[in-house]
Amino acid sequence: MNAKLQNLMMKAENKGIEKGREEEKTNMIFHMLKEKFDVKTIMRALNVSEETINKIKATMQ
C-alpha cells in the first residue's frame, strides 16, 4: 500500500473513532439529564459546554 493511501485510511479511521466518541458522549448526556443530573455536574464530568447540553435537552422535549 502506498503512503498516501495508508495516510488517507488512517485519517478516515481516526475520524470514525472521534465520531463514535462524540456519539457516546451525547448518549451519556442524554441519560444523565434523564436521571436529573445537574447541568454543571454534567459539564464537569464530561467536559462539555452548557450549550451542548442545552441542545441535547431541547431534543428531549
PDB file of N, CA and C in Angstrom:
ATOM      1  N   MET A   1       0.855  -1.173   0.000  1.00  0.00           N
ATOM      2  CA  MET A   1       0.000   0.000   0.000  1.00  0.00           C
ATOM      3  C   MET A   1       0.899   1.233   0.000  1.00  0.00           C
ATOM      4  N   ASN A   2       0.557   2.202  -0.838  1.00  0.00           N
ATOM      5  CA  ASN A   2       1.410   3.376  -0.864  1.00  0.00           C
ATOM      6  C   ASN A   2       1.116   4.295   0.326  1.00  0.00           C
ATOM      7  N   ALA A   3       2.022   5.207   0.590  1.00  0.00           N
ATOM      8  CA  ALA A   3       1.948   6.056   1.784  1.00  0.00           C
ATOM      9  C   ALA A   3       0.721   6.964   1.772  1.00  0.00           C
ATOM     10  N   LYS A   4       0.356   7.485   0.601  1.00  0.00           N
ATOM     11  CA  LYS A   4      -0.810   8.384   0.524  1.00  0.00           C
ATOM     12  C   LYS A   4      -2.096   7.647   0.893  1.00  0.00           C
ATOM     13  N   LEU A   5      -2.251   6.455   0.355  1.00  0.00           N
ATOM     14  CA  LEU A   5      -3.453   5.665   0.639  1.00  0.00           C
ATOM     15  C   LEU A   5      -3.497   5.263   2.113  1.00  0.00           C
ATOM     16  N   GLN A   6      -2.357   4.880   2.640  1.00  0.00           N
ATOM     17  CA  GLN A   6      -2.278   4.497   4.044  1.00  0.00           C
ATOM     18  C   GLN A   6      -2.623   5.686   4.947  1.00  0.00           C
ATOM     19  N   ASN A   7      -2.123   6.872   4.604  1.00  0.00           N
ATOM     20  CA  ASN A   7      -2.413   8.090   5.361  1.00  0.00           C
ATOM     21  C   ASN A   7      -3.900   8.416   5.293  1.00  0.00           C
ATOM     22  N   LEU A   8      -4.498   8.284   4.133  1.00  0.00           N
ATOM     23  CA  LEU A   8      -5.919   8.549   3.958  1.00  0.00           C
ATOM     24  C   LEU A   8      -6.764   7.580   4.789  1.00  0.00           C
ATOM     25  N   MET A   9      -6.379   6.316   4.794  1.00  0.00           N
ATOM     26  CA  MET A   9      -7.097   5.319   5.571  1.00  0.00           C
ATOM     27  C   MET A   9      -6.988   5.608   7.075  1.00  0.00           C
ATOM     28  N   MET A  10      -5.815   6.042   7.513  1.00  0.00           N
ATOM     29  CA  MET A  10      -5.610   6.353   8.920  1.00  0.00           C
ATOM     30  C   MET A  10      -6.471   7.551   9.329  1.00  0.00           C
ATOM     31  N   LYS A  11      -6.542   8.560   8.476  1.00  0.00           N
ATOM     32  CA  LYS A  11      -7.377   9.732   8.760  1.00  0.00           C
ATOM     33  C   LYS A  11      -8.846   9.342   8.852  1.00  0.00           C
ATOM     34  N   ALA A  12      -9.299   8.486   7.952  1.00  0.00           N
ATOM     35  CA  ALA A  12     -10.695   8.038   7.961  1.00  0.00           C
ATOM     36  C   ALA A  12     -10.989   7.247   9.231  1.00  0.00           C
ATOM     37  N   GLU A  13     -10.067   6.406   9.630  1.00  0.00           N
ATOM     38  CA  GLU A  13     -10.253   5.615  10.846  1.00  0.00           C
ATOM     39  C   GLU A  13     -10.322   6.529  12.074  1.00  0.00           C
ATOM     40  N   ASN A  14      -9.427   7.492  12.143  1.00  0.00           N
ATOM     41  CA  ASN A  14      -9.427   8.431  13.273  1.00  0.00           C
ATOM     42  C   ASN A  14     -10.707   9.248  13.321  1.00  0.00           C
ATOM     43  N   LYS A  15     -11.202   9.633  12.147  1.00  0.00           N
ATOM     44  CA  LYS A  15     -12.446  10.390  12.081  1.00  0.00           C
ATOM     45  C   LYS A  15     -13.612   9.535  12.598  1.00  0.00           C
ATOM     46  N   GLY A  16     -13.631   8.269  12.245  1.00  0.00           N
ATOM     47  CA  GLY A  16     -14.672   7.354  12.714  1.00  0.00           C
ATOM     48  C   GLY A  16     -14.610   7.149  14.217  1.00  0.00           C
ATOM     49  N   ILE A  17     -13.404   7.040  14.736  1.00  0.00           N
ATOM     50  CA  ILE A  17     -13.232   6.879  16.183  1.00  0.00           C
ATOM     51  C   ILE A  17     -13.741   8.122  16.906  1.00  0.00           C
ATOM     52  N   GLU A  18     -13.393   9.287  16.402  1.00  0.00           N
ATOM     53  CA  GLU A  18     -13.839  10.543  17.023  1.00  0.00           C
ATOM     54  C   GLU A  18     -15.356  10.674  16.973  1.00  0.00           C
ATOM     55  N   LYS A  19     -15.955  10.281  15.855  1.00  0.00           N
ATOM     56  CA  LYS A  19     -17.411  10.341  15.740  1.00  0.00           C
ATOM     57  C   LYS A  19     -18.060   9.413  16.763  1.00  0.00           C
ATOM     58  N   GLY A  20     -17.505   8.241  16.960  1.00  0.00           N
ATOM     59  CA  GLY A  20     -18.017   7.304  17.947  1.00  0.00           C
ATOM     60  C   GLY A  20     -17.931   7.855  19.362  1.00  0.00           C
ATOM     61  N   ARG A  21     -16.835   8.540  19.652  1.00  0.00           N
ATOM     62  CA  ARG A  21     -16.679   9.153  20.969  1.00  0.00           C
ATOM     63  C   ARG A  21     -17.731  10.229  21.195  1.00  0.00           C
ATOM     64  N   GLU A  22     -17.963  11.046  20.191  1.00  0.00           N
ATOM     65  CA  GLU A  22     -18.958  12.112  20.317  1.00  0.00           C
ATOM     66  C   GLU A  22     -20.367  11.537  20.489  1.00  0.00           C
ATOM     67  N   GLU A  23     -20.664  10.474  19.756  1.00  0.00           N
ATOM     68  CA  GLU A  23     -21.981   9.834  19.890  1.00  0.00           C
ATOM     69  C   GLU A  23     -22.164   9.265  21.291  1.00  0.00           C
ATOM     70  N   GLU A  24     -21.121   8.657  21.828  1.00  0.00           N
ATOM     71  CA  GLU A  24     -21.197   8.102  23.178  1.00  0.00           C
ATOM     72  C   GLU A  24     -21.367   9.214  24.214  1.00  0.00           C
ATOM     73  N   LYS A  25     -20.661  10.332  24.025  1.00  0.00           N
ATOM     74  CA  LYS A  25     -20.789  11.455  24.945  1.00  0.00           C
ATOM     75  C   LYS A  25     -22.215  12.012  24.901  1.00  0.00           C
ATOM     76  N   THR A  26     -22.779  12.124  23.714  1.00  0.00           N
ATOM     77  CA  THR A  26     -24.163  12.591  23.566  1.00  0.00           C
ATOM     78  C   THR A  26     -25.112  11.651  24.295  1.00  0.00           C
ATOM     79  N   ASN A  27     -24.891  10.360  24.147  1.00  0.00           N
ATOM     80  CA  ASN A  27     -25.718   9.360  24.810  1.00  0.00           C
ATOM     81  C   ASN A  27     -25.608   9.484  26.330  1.00  0.00           C
ATOM     82  N   MET A  28     -24.406   9.700  26.829  1.00  0.00           N
ATOM     83  CA  MET A  28     -24.200   9.854  28.264  1.00  0.00           C
ATOM     84  C   MET A  28     -24.909  11.106  28.785  1.00  0.00           C
ATOM     85  N   ILE A  29     -24.814  12.206  28.043  1.00  0.00           N
ATOM     86  CA  ILE A  29     -25.500  13.437  28.445  1.00  0.00           C
ATOM     87  C   ILE A  29     -27.001  13.199  28.503  1.00  0.00           C
ATOM     88  N   PHE A  30     -27.541  12.558  27.481  1.00  0.00           N
ATOM     89  CA  PHE A  30     -28.968  12.265  27.424  1.00  0.00           C
ATOM     90  C   PHE A  30     -29.413  11.497  28.671  1.00  0.00           C
ATOM     91  N   HIS A  31     -28.680  10.452  29.008  1.00  0.00           N
ATOM     92  CA  HIS A  31     -29.060   9.620  30.149  1.00  0.00           C
ATOM     93  C   HIS A  31     -28.861  10.350  31.478  1.00  0.00           C
ATOM     94  N   MET A  32     -27.832  11.157  31.566  1.00  0.00           N
ATOM     95  CA  MET A  32     -27.621  11.922  32.798  1.00  0.00           C
ATOM     96  C   MET A  32     -28.739  12.949  32.985  1.00  0.00           C
ATOM     97  N   LEU A  33     -29.170  13.565  31.906  1.00  0.00           N
ATOM     98  CA  LEU A  33     -30.292  14.502  32.000  1.00  0.00           C
ATOM     99  C   LEU A  33     -31.568  13.772  32.418  1.00  0.00           C
ATOM    100  N   LYS A  34     -31.773  12.592  31.857  1.00  0.00           N
ATOM    101  CA  LYS A  34     -32.937  11.789  32.201  1.00  0.00           C
ATOM    102  C   LYS A  34     -32.955  11.435  33.687  1.00  0.00           C
ATOM    103  N   GLU A  35     -31.788  11.242  34.235  1.00  0.00           N
ATOM    104  CA  GLU A  35     -31.656  10.897  35.653  1.00  0.00           C
ATOM    105  C   GLU A  35     -31.587  12.139  36.540  1.00  0.00           C
ATOM    106  N   LYS A  36     -31.861  13.309  35.939  1.00  0.00           N
ATOM    107  CA  LYS A  36     -31.939  14.575  36.673  1.00  0.00           C
ATOM    108  C   LYS A  36     -30.603  15.062  37.248  1.00  0.00           C
ATOM    109  N   PHE A  37     -29.498  14.730  36.575  1.00  0.00           N
ATOM    110  CA  PHE A  37     -28.210  15.281  36.979  1.00  0.00           C
ATOM    111  C   PHE A  37     -28.211  16.781  36.721  1.00  0.00           C
ATOM    112  N   ASP A  38     -27.555  17.523  37.571  1.00  0.00           N
ATOM    113  CA  ASP A  38     -27.407  18.958  37.415  1.00  0.00           C
ATOM    114  C   ASP A  38     -26.530  19.256  36.186  1.00  0.00           C
ATOM    115  N   VAL A  39     -26.883  20.303  35.442  1.00  0.00           N
ATOM    116  CA  VAL A  39     -26.140  20.661  34.224  1.00  0.00           C
ATOM    117  C   VAL A  39     -24.667  20.909  34.541  1.00  0.00           C
ATOM    118  N   LYS A  40     -24.371  21.591  35.612  1.00  0.00           N
ATOM    119  CA  LYS A  40     -22.975  21.887  35.982  1.00  0.00           C
ATOM    120  C   LYS A  40     -22.197  20.601  36.272  1.00  0.00           C
ATOM    121  N   THR A  41     -22.866  19.628  36.861  1.00  0.00           N
ATOM    122  CA  THR A  41     -22.219  18.342  37.126  1.00  0.00           C
ATOM    123  C   THR A  41     -21.876  17.640  35.818  1.00  0.00           C
ATOM    124  N   ILE A  42     -22.806  17.664  34.886  1.00  0.00           N
ATOM    125  CA  ILE A  42     -22.565  17.048  33.571  1.00  0.00           C
ATOM    126  C   ILE A  42     -21.420  17.757  32.866  1.00  0.00           C
ATOM    127  N   MET A  43     -21.418  19.082  32.943  1.00  0.00           N
ATOM    128  CA  MET A  43     -20.353  19.855  32.311  1.00  0.00           C
ATOM    129  C   MET A  43     -18.979  19.442  32.837  1.00  0.00           C
ATOM    130  N   ARG A  44     -18.876  19.328  34.159  1.00  0.00           N
ATOM    131  CA  ARG A  44     -17.589  18.956  34.770  1.00  0.00           C
ATOM    132  C   ARG A  44     -17.227  17.506  34.469  1.00  0.00           C
ATOM    133  N   ALA A  45     -18.190  16.618  34.569  1.00  0.00           N
ATOM    134  CA  ALA A  45     -17.911  15.187  34.403  1.00  0.00           C
ATOM    135  C   ALA A  45     -17.505  14.826  32.981  1.00  0.00           C
ATOM    136  N   LEU A  46     -18.150  15.471  32.002  1.00  0.00           N
ATOM    137  CA  LEU A  46     -17.919  15.089  30.608  1.00  0.00           C
ATOM    138  C   LEU A  46     -17.143  16.134  29.809  1.00  0.00           C
ATOM    139  N   ASN A  47     -16.776  17.226  30.475  1.00  0.00           N
ATOM    140  CA  ASN A  47     -16.014  18.291  29.823  1.00  0.00           C
ATOM    141  C   ASN A  47     -16.724  18.791  28.561  1.00  0.00           C
ATOM    142  N   VAL A  48     -17.993  19.172  28.738  1.00  0.00           N
ATOM    143  CA  VAL A  48     -18.798  19.707  27.638  1.00  0.00           C
ATOM    144  C   VAL A  48     -19.347  21.075  28.037  1.00  0.00           C
ATOM    145  N   SER A  49     -19.752  21.834  27.042  1.00  0.00           N
ATOM    146  CA  SER A  49     -20.294  23.164  27.296  1.00  0.00           C
ATOM    147  C   SER A  49     -21.773  23.085  27.672  1.00  0.00           C
ATOM    148  N   GLU A  50     -22.230  24.138  28.309  1.00  0.00           N
ATOM    149  CA  GLU A  50     -23.649  24.233  28.647  1.00  0.00           C
ATOM    150  C   GLU A  50     -24.481  24.270  27.372  1.00  0.00           C
ATOM    151  N   GLU A  51     -23.954  24.886  26.334  1.00  0.00           N
ATOM    152  CA  GLU A  51     -24.648  24.955  25.042  1.00  0.00           C
ATOM    153  C   GLU A  51     -24.894  23.549  24.481  1.00  0.00           C
ATOM    154  N   THR A  52     -23.895  22.701  24.561  1.00  0.00           N
ATOM    155  CA  THR A  52     -24.039  21.321  24.079  1.00  0.00           C
ATOM    156  C   THR A  52     -25.122  20.587  24.848  1.00  0.00           C
ATOM    157  N   ILE A  53     -25.129  20.743  26.157  1.00  0.00           N
ATOM    158  CA  ILE A  53     -26.134  20.094  26.994  1.00  0.00           C
ATOM    159  C   ILE A  53     -27.529  20.624  26.663  1.00  0.00           C
ATOM    160  N   ASN A  54     -27.649  21.925  26.488  1.00  0.00           N
ATOM    161  CA  ASN A  54     -28.946  22.516  26.176  1.00  0.00           C
ATOM    162  C   ASN A  54     -29.485  22.055  24.825  1.00  0.00           C
ATOM    163  N   LYS A  55     -28.594  21.840  23.859  1.00  0.00           N
ATOM    164  CA  LYS A  55     -29.028  21.327  22.551  1.00  0.00           C
ATOM    165  C   LYS A  55     -29.613  19.926  22.698  1.00  0.00           C
ATOM    166  N   ILE A  56     -28.983  19.112  23.502  1.00  0.00           N
ATOM    167  CA  ILE A  56     -29.473  17.749  23.722  1.00  0.00           C
ATOM    168  C   ILE A  56     -30.777  17.791  24.522  1.00  0.00           C
ATOM    169  N   LYS A  57     -30.816  18.660  25.514  1.00  0.00           N
ATOM    170  CA  LYS A  57     -32.024  18.809  26.338  1.00  0.00           C
ATOM    171  C   LYS A  57     -33.213  19.232  25.467  1.00  0.00           C
ATOM    172  N   ALA A  58     -32.977  20.079  24.489  1.00  0.00           N
ATOM    173  CA  ALA A  58     -34.053  20.542  23.593  1.00  0.00           C
ATOM    174  C   ALA A  58     -34.640  19.412  22.767  1.00  0.00           C
ATOM    175  N   THR A  59     -33.835  18.410  22.446  1.00  0.00           N
ATOM    176  CA  THR A  59     -34.338  17.288  21.651  1.00  0.00           C
ATOM    177  C   THR A  59     -35.185  16.341  22.489  1.00  0.00           C
ATOM    178  N   MET A  60     -35.092  16.451  23.798  1.00  0.00           N
ATOM    179  CA  MET A  60     -35.807  15.551  24.698  1.00  0.00           C
ATOM    180  C   MET A  60     -37.241  16.001  24.922  1.00  0.00           C
ATOM    181  N   GLN A  61     -37.553  17.242  24.622  1.00  0.00           N
ATOM    182  CA  GLN A  61     -38.879  17.782  24.950  1.00  0.00           C
ATOM    183  C   GLN A  61     -39.858  17.643  23.831  1.00  0.00           C
TER     184      GLN A  61
END
